[in-house]
Structure formats: structure tokens, C-alpha cells
């Protein structure tokens, strides 16, 4: 992971931000040699297919998944 001082970041901020957006990388900002910030691009939302697509065929439903489960939450 790369690091940069606050003063160098200030002088080149727009260029550095564009590079991070394009590369998806992270940058550690230092103050007098001590790490103080981490800059990273915000990741976009993933679709349901992206998250669960690989396991979708392996899921088996034994009961109606829309039925309420109140009995499981009532106190004895």
C-alpha cells in the first residue's frame, strides 16, 4: 500500500484522487511520518446475483419461506 505526506497530498490532490478512482487502490496519508488517514474509493452496491449467484442452485427450501415463524420467537 502506498503512502504520502499531507503536504504532498495537498499539492497533488486532484490527480491522486483520479488515480485512486481509476485503479481502485488505497493510499495512506502520513503526518510527520505517522499514518493518520486511509483514502480508498467507495465501492458500489453489488446486485443480488453478484452476491448469491454462485450458491443459488445449491439452496433447497423445505418449507414455504414466506410463512411466519412466530412460534420460534414466543417465550415458553
PDB file of N, CA and C in Angstrom:
ATOM      1  N   UNK A   1       0.840  -1.165   0.000  1.00  0.00           N
ATOM      2  CA  UNK A   1       0.000   0.000   0.000  1.00  0.00           C
ATOM      3  C   UNK A   1       0.895   1.241   0.000  1.00  0.00           C
ATOM      4  N   UNK A   2       0.535   2.205  -0.818  1.00  0.00           N
ATOM      5  CA  UNK A   2       1.331   3.416  -0.925  1.00  0.00           C
ATOM      6  C   UNK A   2       1.014   4.387   0.207  1.00  0.00           C
ATOM      7  N   UNK A   3       1.966   5.259   0.483  1.00  0.00           N
ATOM      8  CA  UNK A   3       1.729   6.307   1.466  1.00  0.00           C
ATOM      9  C   UNK A   3       2.229   7.636   0.910  1.00  0.00           C
ATOM     10  N   UNK A   4       1.683   8.730   1.461  1.00  0.00           N
ATOM     11  CA  UNK A   4       2.038  10.066   1.023  1.00  0.00           C
ATOM     12  C   UNK A   4       1.868  11.017   2.201  1.00  0.00           C
ATOM     13  N   UNK A   5       2.714  12.044   2.258  1.00  0.00           N
ATOM     14  CA  UNK A   5       2.598  13.031   3.327  1.00  0.00           C
ATOM     15  C   UNK A   5       1.432  13.973   3.042  1.00  0.00           C
ATOM     16  N   UNK A   6       0.926  14.613   4.084  1.00  0.00           N
ATOM     17  CA  UNK A   6      -0.177  15.561   3.917  1.00  0.00           C
ATOM     18  C   UNK A   6       0.187  16.672   2.939  1.00  0.00           C
ATOM     19  N   UNK A   7       1.401  17.171   3.034  1.00  0.00           N
ATOM     20  CA  UNK A   7       1.803  18.284   2.167  1.00  0.00           C
ATOM     21  C   UNK A   7       1.847  17.863   0.696  1.00  0.00           C
ATOM     22  N   UNK A   8       2.361  16.675   0.395  1.00  0.00           N
ATOM     23  CA  UNK A   8       2.380  16.194  -0.991  1.00  0.00           C
ATOM     24  C   UNK A   8       0.967  15.909  -1.495  1.00  0.00           C
ATOM     25  N   UNK A   9       0.109  15.394  -0.612  1.00  0.00           N
ATOM     26  CA  UNK A   9      -1.273  15.154  -0.992  1.00  0.00           C
ATOM     27  C   UNK A   9      -1.966  16.464  -1.348  1.00  0.00           C
ATOM     28  N   UNK A  10      -1.754  17.478  -0.536  1.00  0.00           N
ATOM     29  CA  UNK A  10      -2.382  18.780  -0.771  1.00  0.00           C
ATOM     30  C   UNK A  10      -1.982  19.351  -2.121  1.00  0.00           C
ATOM     31  N   UNK A  11      -0.735  19.217  -2.480  1.00  0.00           N
ATOM     32  CA  UNK A  11      -0.227  19.780  -3.733  1.00  0.00           C
ATOM     33  C   UNK A  11      -0.713  19.011  -4.964  1.00  0.00           C
ATOM     34  N   UNK A  12      -1.066  17.743  -4.801  1.00  0.00           N
ATOM     35  CA  UNK A  12      -1.425  16.886  -5.940  1.00  0.00           C
ATOM     36  C   UNK A  12      -2.762  16.175  -5.761  1.00  0.00           C
ATOM     37  N   UNK A  13      -3.637  16.717  -4.950  1.00  0.00           N
ATOM     38  CA  UNK A  13      -4.841  16.002  -4.534  1.00  0.00           C
ATOM     39  C   UNK A  13      -5.731  15.556  -5.690  1.00  0.00           C
ATOM     40  N   UNK A  14      -6.059  16.436  -6.604  1.00  0.00           N
ATOM     41  CA  UNK A  14      -6.968  16.078  -7.678  1.00  0.00           C
ATOM     42  C   UNK A  14      -6.400  14.942  -8.535  1.00  0.00           C
ATOM     43  N   UNK A  15      -5.139  15.029  -8.889  1.00  0.00           N
ATOM     44  CA  UNK A  15      -4.500  13.982  -9.693  1.00  0.00           C
ATOM     45  C   UNK A  15      -4.488  12.658  -8.937  1.00  0.00           C
ATOM     46  N   UNK A  16      -4.152  12.704  -7.655  1.00  0.00           N
ATOM     47  CA  UNK A  16      -4.090  11.489  -6.842  1.00  0.00           C
ATOM     48  C   UNK A  16      -5.465  10.859  -6.700  1.00  0.00           C
ATOM     49  N   UNK A  17      -6.485  11.691  -6.458  1.00  0.00           N
ATOM     50  CA  UNK A  17      -7.849  11.161  -6.343  1.00  0.00           C
ATOM     51  C   UNK A  17      -8.290  10.476  -7.627  1.00  0.00           C
ATOM     52  N   UNK A  18      -7.985  11.082  -8.767  1.00  0.00           N
ATOM     53  CA  UNK A  18      -8.354  10.470 -10.043  1.00  0.00           C
ATOM     54  C   UNK A  18      -7.652   9.131 -10.235  1.00  0.00           C
ATOM     55  N   UNK A  19      -6.377   9.060  -9.870  1.00  0.00           N
ATOM     56  CA  UNK A  19      -5.631   7.809  -9.988  1.00  0.00           C
ATOM     57  C   UNK A  19      -6.240   6.718  -9.101  1.00  0.00           C
ATOM     58  N   UNK A  20      -6.638   7.086  -7.877  1.00  0.00           N
ATOM     59  CA  UNK A  20      -7.238   6.113  -6.969  1.00  0.00           C
ATOM     60  C   UNK A  20      -8.588   5.633  -7.483  1.00  0.00           C
ATOM     61  N   UNK A  21      -9.372   6.540  -8.047  1.00  0.00           N
ATOM     62  CA  UNK A  21     -10.660   6.155  -8.624  1.00  0.00           C
ATOM     63  C   UNK A  21     -10.470   5.158  -9.760  1.00  0.00           C
ATOM     64  N   UNK A  22      -9.496   5.418 -10.609  1.00  0.00           N
ATOM     65  CA  UNK A  22      -9.241   4.540 -11.757  1.00  0.00           C
ATOM     66  C   UNK A  22      -8.671   3.187 -11.339  1.00  0.00           C
ATOM     67  N   UNK A  23      -7.758   3.202 -10.388  1.00  0.00           N
ATOM     68  CA  UNK A  23      -7.073   1.962 -10.005  1.00  0.00           C
ATOM     69  C   UNK A  23      -7.828   1.169  -8.949  1.00  0.00           C
ATOM     70  N   UNK A  24      -8.657   1.847  -8.155  1.00  0.00           N
ATOM     71  CA  UNK A  24      -9.340   1.172  -7.058  1.00  0.00           C
ATOM     72  C   UNK A  24      -8.439   0.930  -5.866  1.00  0.00           C
ATOM     73  N   UNK A  25      -7.255   1.516  -5.881  1.00  0.00           N
ATOM     74  CA  UNK A  25      -6.289   1.305  -4.807  1.00  0.00           C
ATOM     75  C   UNK A  25      -6.561   2.136  -3.576  1.00  0.00           C
ATOM     76  N   UNK A  26      -5.685   1.988  -2.591  1.00  0.00           N
ATOM     77  CA  UNK A  26      -5.773   2.720  -1.339  1.00  0.00           C
ATOM     78  C   UNK A  26      -4.505   3.538  -1.140  1.00  0.00           C
ATOM     79  N   UNK A  27      -4.621   4.565  -0.317  1.00  0.00           N
ATOM     80  CA  UNK A  27      -3.483   5.429  -0.037  1.00  0.00           C
ATOM     81  C   UNK A  27      -3.488   5.780   1.442  1.00  0.00           C
ATOM     82  N   UNK A  28      -2.338   5.661   2.093  1.00  0.00           N
ATOM     83  CA  UNK A  28      -2.178   6.054   3.487  1.00  0.00           C
ATOM     84  C   UNK A  28      -1.566   7.449   3.513  1.00  0.00           C
ATOM     85  N   UNK A  29      -2.198   8.350   4.268  1.00  0.00           N
ATOM     86  CA  UNK A  29      -1.695   9.710   4.405  1.00  0.00           C
ATOM     87  C   UNK A  29      -0.964   9.801   5.741  1.00  0.00           C
ATOM     88  N   UNK A  30       0.232  10.378   5.702  1.00  0.00           N
ATOM     89  CA  UNK A  30       1.043  10.483   6.907  1.00  0.00           C
ATOM     90  C   UNK A  30       1.193  11.932   7.349  1.00  0.00           C
ATOM     91  N   UNK A  31       1.400  12.105   8.643  1.00  0.00           N
ATOM     92  CA  UNK A  31       1.698  13.406   9.227  1.00  0.00           C
ATOM     93  C   UNK A  31       2.951  13.228  10.067  1.00  0.00           C
ATOM     94  N   UNK A  32       4.036  13.817   9.587  1.00  0.00           N
ATOM     95  CA  UNK A  32       5.352  13.674  10.236  1.00  0.00           C
ATOM     96  C   UNK A  32       5.755  12.209  10.369  1.00  0.00           C
ATOM     97  N   UNK A  33       5.459  11.442   9.300  1.00  0.00           N
ATOM     98  CA  UNK A  33       5.855  10.038   9.254  1.00  0.00           C
ATOM     99  C   UNK A  33       4.898   9.081   9.941  1.00  0.00           C
ATOM    100  N   UNK A  34       3.857   9.598  10.567  1.00  0.00           N
ATOM    101  CA  UNK A  34       2.889   8.762  11.286  1.00  0.00           C
ATOM    102  C   UNK A  34       1.614   8.623  10.454  1.00  0.00           C
ATOM    103  N   UNK A  35       1.132   7.409  10.200  1.00  0.00           N
ATOM    104  CA  UNK A  35      -0.101   7.237   9.422  1.00  0.00           C
ATOM    105  C   UNK A  35      -1.290   7.843  10.166  1.00  0.00           C
ATOM    106  N   UNK A  36      -2.085   8.655   9.435  1.00  0.00           N
ATOM    107  CA  UNK A  36      -3.234   9.305  10.064  1.00  0.00           C
ATOM    108  C   UNK A  36      -4.544   9.084   9.304  1.00  0.00           C
ATOM    109  N   UNK A  37      -4.470   8.810   8.015  1.00  0.00           N
ATOM    110  CA  UNK A  37      -5.672   8.626   7.207  1.00  0.00           C
ATOM    111  C   UNK A  37      -5.459   7.517   6.184  1.00  0.00           C
ATOM    112  N   UNK A  38      -6.562   6.893   5.802  1.00  0.00           N
ATOM    113  CA  UNK A  38      -6.543   5.961   4.683  1.00  0.00           C
ATOM    114  C   UNK A  38      -7.593   6.437   3.694  1.00  0.00           C
ATOM    115  N   UNK A  39      -7.200   6.603   2.453  1.00  0.00           N
ATOM    116  CA  UNK A  39      -8.116   7.033   1.398  1.00  0.00           C
ATOM    117  C   UNK A  39      -8.330   5.851   0.464  1.00  0.00           C
ATOM    118  N   UNK A  40      -9.612   5.541   0.212  1.00  0.00           N
ATOM    119  CA  UNK A  40      -9.944   4.449  -0.693  1.00  0.00           C
ATOM    120  C   UNK A  40     -11.249   4.783  -1.391  1.00  0.00           C
ATOM    121  N   UNK A  41     -11.428   4.306  -2.614  1.00  0.00           N
ATOM    122  CA  UNK A  41     -12.674   4.549  -3.334  1.00  0.00           C
ATOM    123  C   UNK A  41     -13.847   3.855  -2.646  1.00  0.00           C
ATOM    124  N   UNK A  42     -15.012   4.445  -2.784  1.00  0.00           N
ATOM    125  CA  UNK A  42     -16.231   3.839  -2.266  1.00  0.00           C
ATOM    126  C   UNK A  42     -16.663   2.776  -3.258  1.00  0.00           C
ATOM    127  N   UNK A  43     -16.900   1.570  -2.754  1.00  0.00           N
ATOM    128  CA  UNK A  43     -17.323   0.504  -3.658  1.00  0.00           C
ATOM    129  C   UNK A  43     -18.819   0.620  -3.897  1.00  0.00           C
ATOM    130  N   UNK A  44     -19.228   0.310  -5.105  1.00  0.00           N
ATOM    131  CA  UNK A  44     -20.640   0.376  -5.462  1.00  0.00           C
ATOM    132  C   UNK A  44     -21.410  -0.782  -4.877  1.00  0.00           C
ATOM    133  N   UNK A  45     -22.723  -0.657  -4.887  1.00  0.00           N
ATOM    134  CA  UNK A  45     -23.564  -1.738  -4.391  1.00  0.00           C
ATOM    135  C   UNK A  45     -23.501  -2.914  -5.347  1.00  0.00           C
ATOM    136  N   UNK A  46     -23.490  -4.104  -4.774  1.00  0.00           N
ATOM    137  CA  UNK A  46     -23.494  -5.318  -5.575  1.00  0.00           C
ATOM    138  C   UNK A  46     -24.926  -5.787  -5.749  1.00  0.00           C
ATOM    139  N   UNK A  47     -25.200  -6.376  -6.880  1.00  0.00           N
ATOM    140  CA  UNK A  47     -26.530  -6.910  -7.133  1.00  0.00           C
ATOM    141  C   UNK A  47     -26.707  -8.220  -6.359  1.00  0.00           C
ATOM    142  N   UNK A  48     -27.951  -8.631  -6.206  1.00  0.00           N
ATOM    143  CA  UNK A  48     -28.248  -9.906  -5.545  1.00  0.00           C
ATOM    144  C   UNK A  48     -27.564 -11.041  -6.297  1.00  0.00           C
ATOM    145  N   UNK A  49     -27.574 -10.962  -7.617  1.00  0.00           N
ATOM    146  CA  UNK A  49     -26.931 -12.002  -8.434  1.00  0.00           C
ATOM    147  C   UNK A  49     -25.424 -12.049  -8.172  1.00  0.00           C
ATOM    148  N   UNK A  50     -24.783 -10.898  -8.018  1.00  0.00           N
ATOM    149  CA  UNK A  50     -23.344 -10.870  -7.730  1.00  0.00           C
ATOM    150  C   UNK A  50     -23.039 -11.524  -6.378  1.00  0.00           C
ATOM    151  N   UNK A  51     -23.880 -11.279  -5.398  1.00  0.00           N
ATOM    152  CA  UNK A  51     -23.627 -11.783  -4.050  1.00  0.00           C
ATOM    153  C   UNK A  51     -23.976 -13.260  -3.914  1.00  0.00           C
ATOM    154  N   UNK A  52     -25.144 -13.662  -4.442  1.00  0.00           N
ATOM    155  CA  UNK A  52     -25.636 -15.020  -4.199  1.00  0.00           C
ATOM    156  C   UNK A  52     -25.663 -15.914  -5.434  1.00  0.00           C
ATOM    157  N   UNK A  53     -25.272 -15.412  -6.583  1.00  0.00           N
ATOM    158  CA  UNK A  53     -25.370 -16.163  -7.823  1.00  0.00           C
ATOM    159  C   UNK A  53     -24.679 -17.508  -7.798  1.00  0.00           C
ATOM    160  N   UNK A  54     -23.518 -17.581  -7.180  1.00  0.00           N
ATOM    161  CA  UNK A  54     -22.746 -18.818  -7.178  1.00  0.00           C
ATOM    162  C   UNK A  54     -23.397 -19.920  -6.353  1.00  0.00           C
ATOM    163  N   UNK A  55     -24.185 -19.558  -5.352  1.00  0.00           N
ATOM    164  CA  UNK A  55     -24.797 -20.576  -4.496  1.00  0.00           C
ATOM    165  C   UNK A  55     -26.286 -20.761  -4.762  1.00  0.00           C
ATOM    166  N   UNK A  56     -26.833 -19.977  -5.664  1.00  0.00           N
ATOM    167  CA  UNK A  56     -28.277 -20.015  -5.913  1.00  0.00           C
ATOM    168  C   UNK A  56     -28.772 -21.425  -6.235  1.00  0.00           C
ATOM    169  N   UNK A  57     -28.091 -22.168  -7.052  1.00  0.00           N
ATOM    170  CA  UNK A  57     -28.541 -23.510  -7.441  1.00  0.00           C
ATOM    171  C   UNK A  57     -28.430 -24.511  -6.298  1.00  0.00           C
ATOM    172  N   UNK A  58     -27.640 -24.217  -5.275  1.00  0.00           N
ATOM    173  CA  UNK A  58     -27.439 -25.151  -4.180  1.00  0.00           C
ATOM    174  C   UNK A  58     -28.378 -24.960  -3.005  1.00  0.00           C
ATOM    175  N   UNK A  59     -29.283 -23.985  -3.064  1.00  0.00           N
ATOM    176  CA  UNK A  59     -30.202 -23.726  -1.957  1.00  0.00           C
ATOM    177  C   UNK A  59     -31.453 -24.572  -2.129  1.00  0.00           C
ATOM    178  N   UNK A  60     -31.839 -25.266  -1.056  1.00  0.00           N
ATOM    179  CA  UNK A  60     -33.033 -26.112  -1.075  1.00  0.00           C
ATOM    180  C   UNK A  60     -33.992 -25.599  -0.003  1.00  0.00           C
ATOM    181  N   UNK A  61     -35.241 -25.349  -0.393  1.00  0.00           N
ATOM    182  CA  UNK A  61     -36.270 -24.899   0.541  1.00  0.00           C
ATOM    183  C   UNK A  61     -37.172 -26.086   0.885  1.00  0.00           C
ATOM    184  N   UNK A  62     -37.318 -26.378   2.169  1.00  0.00           N
ATOM    185  CA  UNK A  62     -38.161 -27.484   2.605  1.00  0.00           C
ATOM    186  C   UNK A  62     -39.559 -27.008   2.977  1.00  0.00           C
ATOM    187  N   UNK A  63     -39.699 -25.763   3.374  1.00  0.00           N
ATOM    188  CA  UNK A  63     -40.986 -25.175   3.724  1.00  0.00           C
ATOM    189  C   UNK A  63     -41.164 -23.892   2.935  1.00  0.00           C
ATOM    190  N   UNK A  64     -42.358 -23.340   2.990  1.00  0.00           N
ATOM    191  CA  UNK A  64     -42.647 -22.067   2.347  1.00  0.00           C
ATOM    192  C   UNK A  64     -41.869 -20.973   3.088  1.00  0.00           C
ATOM    193  N   UNK A  65     -40.972 -20.318   2.416  1.00  0.00           N
ATOM    194  CA  UNK A  65     -40.125 -19.324   3.083  1.00  0.00           C
ATOM    195  C   UNK A  65     -40.891 -18.065   3.460  1.00  0.00           C
ATOM    196  N   UNK A  66     -42.127 -17.919   2.968  1.00  0.00           N
ATOM    197  CA  UNK A  66     -42.925 -16.741   3.299  1.00  0.00           C
ATOM    198  C   UNK A  66     -43.826 -16.949   4.514  1.00  0.00           C
ATOM    199  N   UNK A  67     -43.876 -18.165   5.055  1.00  0.00           N
ATOM    200  CA  UNK A  67     -44.699 -18.413   6.233  1.00  0.00           C
ATOM    201  C   UNK A  67     -44.079 -17.747   7.455  1.00  0.00           C
ATOM    202  N   UNK A  68     -44.911 -17.164   8.329  1.00  0.00           N
ATOM    203  CA  UNK A  68     -44.369 -16.526   9.543  1.00  0.00           C
ATOM    204  C   UNK A  68     -43.762 -17.569  10.481  1.00  0.00           C
ATOM    205  N   UNK A  69     -42.845 -17.150  11.283  1.00  0.00           N
ATOM    206  CA  UNK A  69     -42.161 -18.042  12.224  1.00  0.00           C
ATOM    207  C   UNK A  69     -42.393 -17.590  13.653  1.00  0.00           C
ATOM    208  N   UNK A  70     -43.601 -17.167  13.954  1.00  0.00           N
ATOM    209  CA  UNK A  70     -43.917 -16.615  15.271  1.00  0.00           C
ATOM    210  C   UNK A  70     -43.636 -17.629  16.373  1.00  0.00           C
ATOM    211  N   UNK A  71     -43.953 -18.897  16.147  1.00  0.00           N
ATOM    212  CA  UNK A  71     -43.761 -19.910  17.181  1.00  0.00           C
ATOM    213  C   UNK A  71     -42.307 -19.977  17.649  1.00  0.00           C
ATOM    214  N   UNK A  72     -41.385 -19.689  16.765  1.00  0.00           N
ATOM    215  CA  UNK A  72     -39.981 -19.768  17.141  1.00  0.00           C
ATOM    216  C   UNK A  72     -39.561 -18.646  18.063  1.00  0.00           C
ATOM    217  N   UNK A  73     -40.333 -17.553  18.149  1.00  0.00           N
ATOM    218  CA  UNK A  73     -39.929 -16.371  18.904  1.00  0.00           C
ATOM    219  C   UNK A  73     -40.749 -16.155  20.175  1.00  0.00           C
ATOM    220  N   UNK A  74     -41.757 -16.956  20.417  1.00  0.00           N
ATOM    221  CA  UNK A  74     -42.552 -16.772  21.627  1.00  0.00           C
ATOM    222  C   UNK A  74     -41.840 -17.410  22.805  1.00  0.00           C
ATOM    223  N   UNK A  75     -42.052 -16.790  23.970  1.00  0.00           N
ATOM    224  CA  UNK A  75     -41.407 -17.317  25.182  1.00  0.00           C
ATOM    225  C   UNK A  75     -42.149 -18.542  25.687  1.00  0.00           C
ATOM    226  N   UNK A  76     -41.439 -19.437  26.303  1.00  0.00           N
ATOM    227  CA  UNK A  76     -42.031 -20.687  26.813  1.00  0.00           C
ATOM    228  C   UNK A  76     -42.711 -20.449  28.129  1.00  0.00           C
TER     229      UNK A  76
END
